[in-house]
Amino acid sequence: MTARRDLEPETPAAKLAAAMMEVCDDSDLPGLRAIVMLHYENPDDELNAVTALHGYDHEDGDTAAITDLFLYLRSIFEANGKTMLLVPMQGPSPS
C-alpha cells in the first residue's frame, strides 16, 4: 500500500468515501466532523485503504483528526475497563 493524498477520488473505494462525505455535507448537525476509513482487498490480494476526513481544515486537519481518533479509541478502551497507552518510540527523524 502506498500512501498518497488525493483531493479528487479516483478509485471505487475513494468514490464511496467521497459519497459518504457528501452525506455529511448535507447534514444539519453543527460542527460535524467525520473520519471514514475503508479497508478492502484488491484483485492482487493487496490490502488497500482509503481515509476521508470531513469538517477538518486542510492546514491541520490530519493532526486534529488523529487526535480525535486517539481520544475516541481511548474512550472505547476505558468503557471496556482497559487502559490505552501511547508510547513514543525513538526512530529516524522525518526528512
N, C-alpha and C. Protein backbone atom coordinates (compact mmCIF):
# COMPACT_ATOMS: atom_id res chain seq x y z
N MET A 1 0.85 -1.17 0.00
CA MET A 1 0.00 0.00 0.00
C MET A 1 0.90 1.24 0.00
N THR A 2 0.63 2.16 -0.89
CA THR A 2 1.39 3.39 -1.00
C THR A 2 0.54 4.55 -0.49
N ALA A 3 1.11 5.35 0.38
CA ALA A 3 0.38 6.49 0.92
C ALA A 3 0.43 7.65 -0.05
N ARG A 4 -0.69 8.29 -0.22
CA ARG A 4 -0.75 9.49 -1.06
C ARG A 4 -2.00 10.28 -0.68
N ARG A 5 -2.02 11.52 -1.08
CA ARG A 5 -3.16 12.40 -0.80
C ARG A 5 -3.76 12.84 -2.13
N ASP A 6 -5.04 12.56 -2.29
CA ASP A 6 -5.76 12.98 -3.49
C ASP A 6 -6.98 13.77 -3.07
N LEU A 7 -7.20 14.88 -3.73
CA LEU A 7 -8.41 15.66 -3.44
C LEU A 7 -9.57 15.22 -4.31
N GLU A 8 -9.29 14.56 -5.41
CA GLU A 8 -10.33 14.04 -6.29
C GLU A 8 -10.29 12.51 -6.23
N PRO A 9 -11.41 11.86 -5.88
CA PRO A 9 -11.41 10.41 -5.77
C PRO A 9 -11.24 9.74 -7.13
N GLU A 10 -10.35 8.74 -7.17
CA GLU A 10 -10.10 8.03 -8.42
C GLU A 10 -10.55 6.58 -8.36
N THR A 11 -10.36 5.92 -7.22
CA THR A 11 -10.70 4.51 -7.11
C THR A 11 -12.14 4.35 -6.67
N PRO A 12 -12.73 3.17 -6.88
CA PRO A 12 -14.10 2.95 -6.41
C PRO A 12 -14.25 3.18 -4.90
N ALA A 13 -13.27 2.75 -4.11
CA ALA A 13 -13.35 2.96 -2.66
C ALA A 13 -13.27 4.44 -2.32
N ALA A 14 -12.42 5.18 -3.00
CA ALA A 14 -12.32 6.62 -2.76
C ALA A 14 -13.62 7.32 -3.15
N LYS A 15 -14.26 6.85 -4.21
CA LYS A 15 -15.55 7.43 -4.62
C LYS A 15 -16.62 7.13 -3.58
N LEU A 16 -16.57 5.92 -2.98
CA LEU A 16 -17.51 5.58 -1.91
C LEU A 16 -17.30 6.48 -0.70
N ALA A 17 -16.04 6.68 -0.31
CA ALA A 17 -15.74 7.56 0.81
C ALA A 17 -16.20 8.98 0.51
N ALA A 18 -16.01 9.44 -0.73
CA ALA A 18 -16.46 10.79 -1.11
C ALA A 18 -17.98 10.90 -1.01
N ALA A 19 -18.69 9.84 -1.39
CA ALA A 19 -20.15 9.85 -1.28
C ALA A 19 -20.57 9.95 0.18
N MET A 20 -19.83 9.28 1.07
CA MET A 20 -20.12 9.38 2.50
C MET A 20 -19.90 10.81 3.00
N MET A 21 -18.88 11.47 2.45
CA MET A 21 -18.62 12.85 2.84
C MET A 21 -19.73 13.77 2.35
N GLU A 22 -20.32 13.46 1.19
CA GLU A 22 -21.44 14.25 0.69
C GLU A 22 -22.64 14.16 1.64
N VAL A 23 -22.85 12.99 2.23
CA VAL A 23 -23.92 12.84 3.22
C VAL A 23 -23.65 13.76 4.40
N CYS A 24 -22.39 13.82 4.81
CA CYS A 24 -22.02 14.73 5.91
C CYS A 24 -22.24 16.18 5.50
N ASP A 25 -21.92 16.51 4.24
CA ASP A 25 -22.14 17.88 3.75
C ASP A 25 -23.61 18.27 3.86
N ASP A 26 -24.50 17.31 3.62
CA ASP A 26 -25.94 17.58 3.62
C ASP A 26 -26.54 17.57 5.03
N SER A 27 -25.76 17.19 6.02
CA SER A 27 -26.26 17.12 7.39
C SER A 27 -26.41 18.51 7.98
N ASP A 28 -27.39 18.64 8.87
CA ASP A 28 -27.56 19.93 9.54
C ASP A 28 -27.00 19.88 10.97
N LEU A 29 -26.19 18.87 11.27
CA LEU A 29 -25.54 18.81 12.58
C LEU A 29 -24.45 19.88 12.64
N PRO A 30 -24.51 20.77 13.62
CA PRO A 30 -23.50 21.82 13.68
C PRO A 30 -22.13 21.26 14.08
N GLY A 31 -21.09 21.72 13.42
CA GLY A 31 -19.73 21.33 13.75
C GLY A 31 -19.40 19.88 13.48
N LEU A 32 -20.15 19.24 12.58
CA LEU A 32 -19.94 17.82 12.30
C LEU A 32 -18.55 17.57 11.74
N ARG A 33 -17.84 16.63 12.36
CA ARG A 33 -16.56 16.17 11.83
C ARG A 33 -16.65 14.65 11.73
N ALA A 34 -16.08 14.10 10.68
CA ALA A 34 -16.16 12.66 10.48
C ALA A 34 -14.85 12.14 9.91
N ILE A 35 -14.54 10.91 10.30
CA ILE A 35 -13.39 10.19 9.76
C ILE A 35 -13.95 8.88 9.20
N VAL A 36 -13.77 8.67 7.91
CA VAL A 36 -14.21 7.42 7.27
C VAL A 36 -12.96 6.66 6.87
N MET A 37 -12.87 5.42 7.34
CA MET A 37 -11.73 4.57 6.98
C MET A 37 -12.27 3.30 6.35
N LEU A 38 -11.87 3.04 5.13
CA LEU A 38 -12.28 1.85 4.41
C LEU A 38 -11.05 0.98 4.13
N HIS A 39 -11.16 -0.29 4.42
CA HIS A 39 -10.09 -1.24 4.12
C HIS A 39 -10.68 -2.32 3.23
N TYR A 40 -9.97 -2.69 2.20
CA TYR A 40 -10.50 -3.68 1.26
C TYR A 40 -9.35 -4.39 0.57
N GLU A 41 -9.66 -5.53 -0.03
CA GLU A 41 -8.66 -6.25 -0.81
C GLU A 41 -8.91 -6.00 -2.28
N ASN A 42 -7.83 -5.80 -3.01
CA ASN A 42 -7.98 -5.63 -4.44
C ASN A 42 -7.73 -6.98 -5.11
N PRO A 43 -7.93 -7.09 -6.41
CA PRO A 43 -7.75 -8.37 -7.10
C PRO A 43 -6.34 -8.95 -6.95
N ASP A 44 -5.35 -8.14 -6.64
CA ASP A 44 -3.99 -8.63 -6.46
C ASP A 44 -3.75 -9.10 -5.03
N ASP A 45 -4.83 -9.21 -4.23
CA ASP A 45 -4.75 -9.64 -2.83
C ASP A 45 -3.91 -8.71 -1.97
N GLU A 46 -3.82 -7.46 -2.35
CA GLU A 46 -3.13 -6.48 -1.53
C GLU A 46 -4.17 -5.73 -0.73
N LEU A 47 -3.82 -5.46 0.52
CA LEU A 47 -4.72 -4.66 1.35
C LEU A 47 -4.61 -3.21 0.91
N ASN A 48 -5.72 -2.60 0.72
CA ASN A 48 -5.77 -1.18 0.36
C ASN A 48 -6.65 -0.47 1.37
N ALA A 49 -6.43 0.80 1.50
CA ALA A 49 -7.20 1.58 2.45
C ALA A 49 -7.45 2.98 1.90
N VAL A 50 -8.58 3.53 2.30
CA VAL A 50 -8.95 4.89 1.95
C VAL A 50 -9.42 5.57 3.23
N THR A 51 -8.96 6.75 3.46
CA THR A 51 -9.42 7.54 4.60
C THR A 51 -9.93 8.88 4.07
N ALA A 52 -11.09 9.27 4.54
CA ALA A 52 -11.66 10.56 4.15
C ALA A 52 -11.99 11.34 5.42
N LEU A 53 -11.72 12.63 5.40
CA LEU A 53 -11.99 13.49 6.54
C LEU A 53 -13.03 14.53 6.16
N HIS A 54 -13.96 14.78 7.07
CA HIS A 54 -14.98 15.81 6.85
C HIS A 54 -14.96 16.76 8.04
N GLY A 55 -14.96 18.04 7.77
CA GLY A 55 -15.05 19.04 8.83
C GLY A 55 -13.72 19.44 9.43
N TYR A 56 -12.64 18.91 8.92
CA TYR A 56 -11.29 19.28 9.37
C TYR A 56 -10.69 20.19 8.32
N ASP A 57 -10.03 21.27 8.75
CA ASP A 57 -9.46 22.17 7.75
C ASP A 57 -8.21 21.53 7.13
N HIS A 58 -7.83 22.05 5.99
CA HIS A 58 -6.72 21.45 5.24
C HIS A 58 -5.36 21.71 5.87
N GLU A 59 -5.25 22.74 6.70
CA GLU A 59 -3.95 23.08 7.28
C GLU A 59 -3.53 22.10 8.37
N ASP A 60 -4.41 21.87 9.36
CA ASP A 60 -4.05 20.97 10.45
C ASP A 60 -5.06 19.83 10.59
N GLY A 61 -5.78 19.54 9.52
CA GLY A 61 -6.82 18.52 9.55
C GLY A 61 -6.32 17.14 9.94
N ASP A 62 -5.16 16.73 9.40
CA ASP A 62 -4.65 15.41 9.73
C ASP A 62 -4.33 15.31 11.22
N THR A 63 -3.67 16.31 11.76
CA THR A 63 -3.30 16.30 13.17
C THR A 63 -4.54 16.29 14.05
N ALA A 64 -5.51 17.12 13.74
CA ALA A 64 -6.74 17.19 14.53
C ALA A 64 -7.52 15.87 14.43
N ALA A 65 -7.58 15.28 13.24
CA ALA A 65 -8.31 14.03 13.06
C ALA A 65 -7.63 12.89 13.82
N ILE A 66 -6.31 12.83 13.79
CA ILE A 66 -5.58 11.79 14.52
C ILE A 66 -5.81 11.96 16.02
N THR A 67 -5.78 13.19 16.50
CA THR A 67 -6.05 13.45 17.91
C THR A 67 -7.44 12.99 18.29
N ASP A 68 -8.44 13.35 17.48
CA ASP A 68 -9.82 12.92 17.75
C ASP A 68 -9.93 11.40 17.74
N LEU A 69 -9.25 10.75 16.78
CA LEU A 69 -9.31 9.29 16.68
C LEU A 69 -8.71 8.64 17.93
N PHE A 70 -7.55 9.11 18.39
CA PHE A 70 -6.94 8.55 19.59
C PHE A 70 -7.82 8.77 20.82
N LEU A 71 -8.42 9.95 20.94
CA LEU A 71 -9.30 10.22 22.08
C LEU A 71 -10.52 9.30 22.05
N TYR A 72 -11.04 9.06 20.87
CA TYR A 72 -12.19 8.17 20.71
C TYR A 72 -11.80 6.74 21.08
N LEU A 73 -10.64 6.28 20.58
CA LEU A 73 -10.18 4.93 20.91
C LEU A 73 -9.94 4.79 22.41
N ARG A 74 -9.37 5.81 23.04
CA ARG A 74 -9.14 5.77 24.48
C ARG A 74 -10.46 5.62 25.22
N SER A 75 -11.50 6.32 24.76
CA SER A 75 -12.81 6.21 25.39
C SER A 75 -13.38 4.80 25.26
N ILE A 76 -13.18 4.18 24.10
CA ILE A 76 -13.65 2.80 23.90
C ILE A 76 -12.93 1.86 24.86
N PHE A 77 -11.61 2.01 24.98
CA PHE A 77 -10.85 1.18 25.90
C PHE A 77 -11.38 1.36 27.32
N GLU A 78 -11.54 2.61 27.76
CA GLU A 78 -11.99 2.88 29.13
C GLU A 78 -13.39 2.32 29.38
N ALA A 79 -14.26 2.41 28.39
CA ALA A 79 -15.62 1.86 28.54
C ALA A 79 -15.59 0.35 28.72
N ASN A 80 -14.51 -0.29 28.28
CA ASN A 80 -14.36 -1.73 28.41
C ASN A 80 -13.40 -2.11 29.54
N GLY A 81 -13.13 -1.16 30.44
CA GLY A 81 -12.30 -1.44 31.59
C GLY A 81 -10.83 -1.60 31.28
N LYS A 82 -10.37 -1.06 30.19
CA LYS A 82 -8.97 -1.19 29.78
C LYS A 82 -8.34 0.20 29.73
N THR A 83 -7.03 0.21 29.63
CA THR A 83 -6.29 1.46 29.52
C THR A 83 -5.49 1.44 28.22
N MET A 84 -5.60 2.49 27.45
CA MET A 84 -4.81 2.61 26.23
C MET A 84 -3.67 3.57 26.50
N LEU A 85 -2.46 3.11 26.26
CA LEU A 85 -1.29 3.95 26.43
C LEU A 85 -0.61 4.15 25.09
N LEU A 86 -0.18 5.36 24.84
CA LEU A 86 0.62 5.66 23.65
C LEU A 86 2.05 5.87 24.12
N VAL A 87 2.94 5.08 23.58
CA VAL A 87 4.34 5.14 23.99
C VAL A 87 5.17 5.63 22.81
N PRO A 88 5.80 6.78 22.96
CA PRO A 88 6.65 7.26 21.85
C PRO A 88 7.88 6.37 21.72
N MET A 89 8.25 6.11 20.50
CA MET A 89 9.42 5.28 20.24
C MET A 89 10.45 6.10 19.47
N GLN A 90 11.68 5.92 19.84
CA GLN A 90 12.75 6.62 19.13
C GLN A 90 12.91 6.02 17.74
N GLY A 91 12.96 6.83 16.77
CA GLY A 91 13.13 6.37 15.40
C GLY A 91 13.85 7.41 14.59
N PRO A 92 13.98 7.14 13.31
CA PRO A 92 14.65 8.13 12.47
C PRO A 92 13.83 9.41 12.39
N SER A 93 14.52 10.51 12.32
CA SER A 93 13.84 11.80 12.19
C SER A 93 13.20 11.90 10.82
N PRO A 94 11.97 12.46 10.77
CA PRO A 94 11.34 12.65 9.46
C PRO A 94 12.16 13.62 8.62
N SER A 95 12.25 13.33 7.37
CA SER A 95 13.02 14.23 6.50
C SER A 95 12.17 15.27 5.86
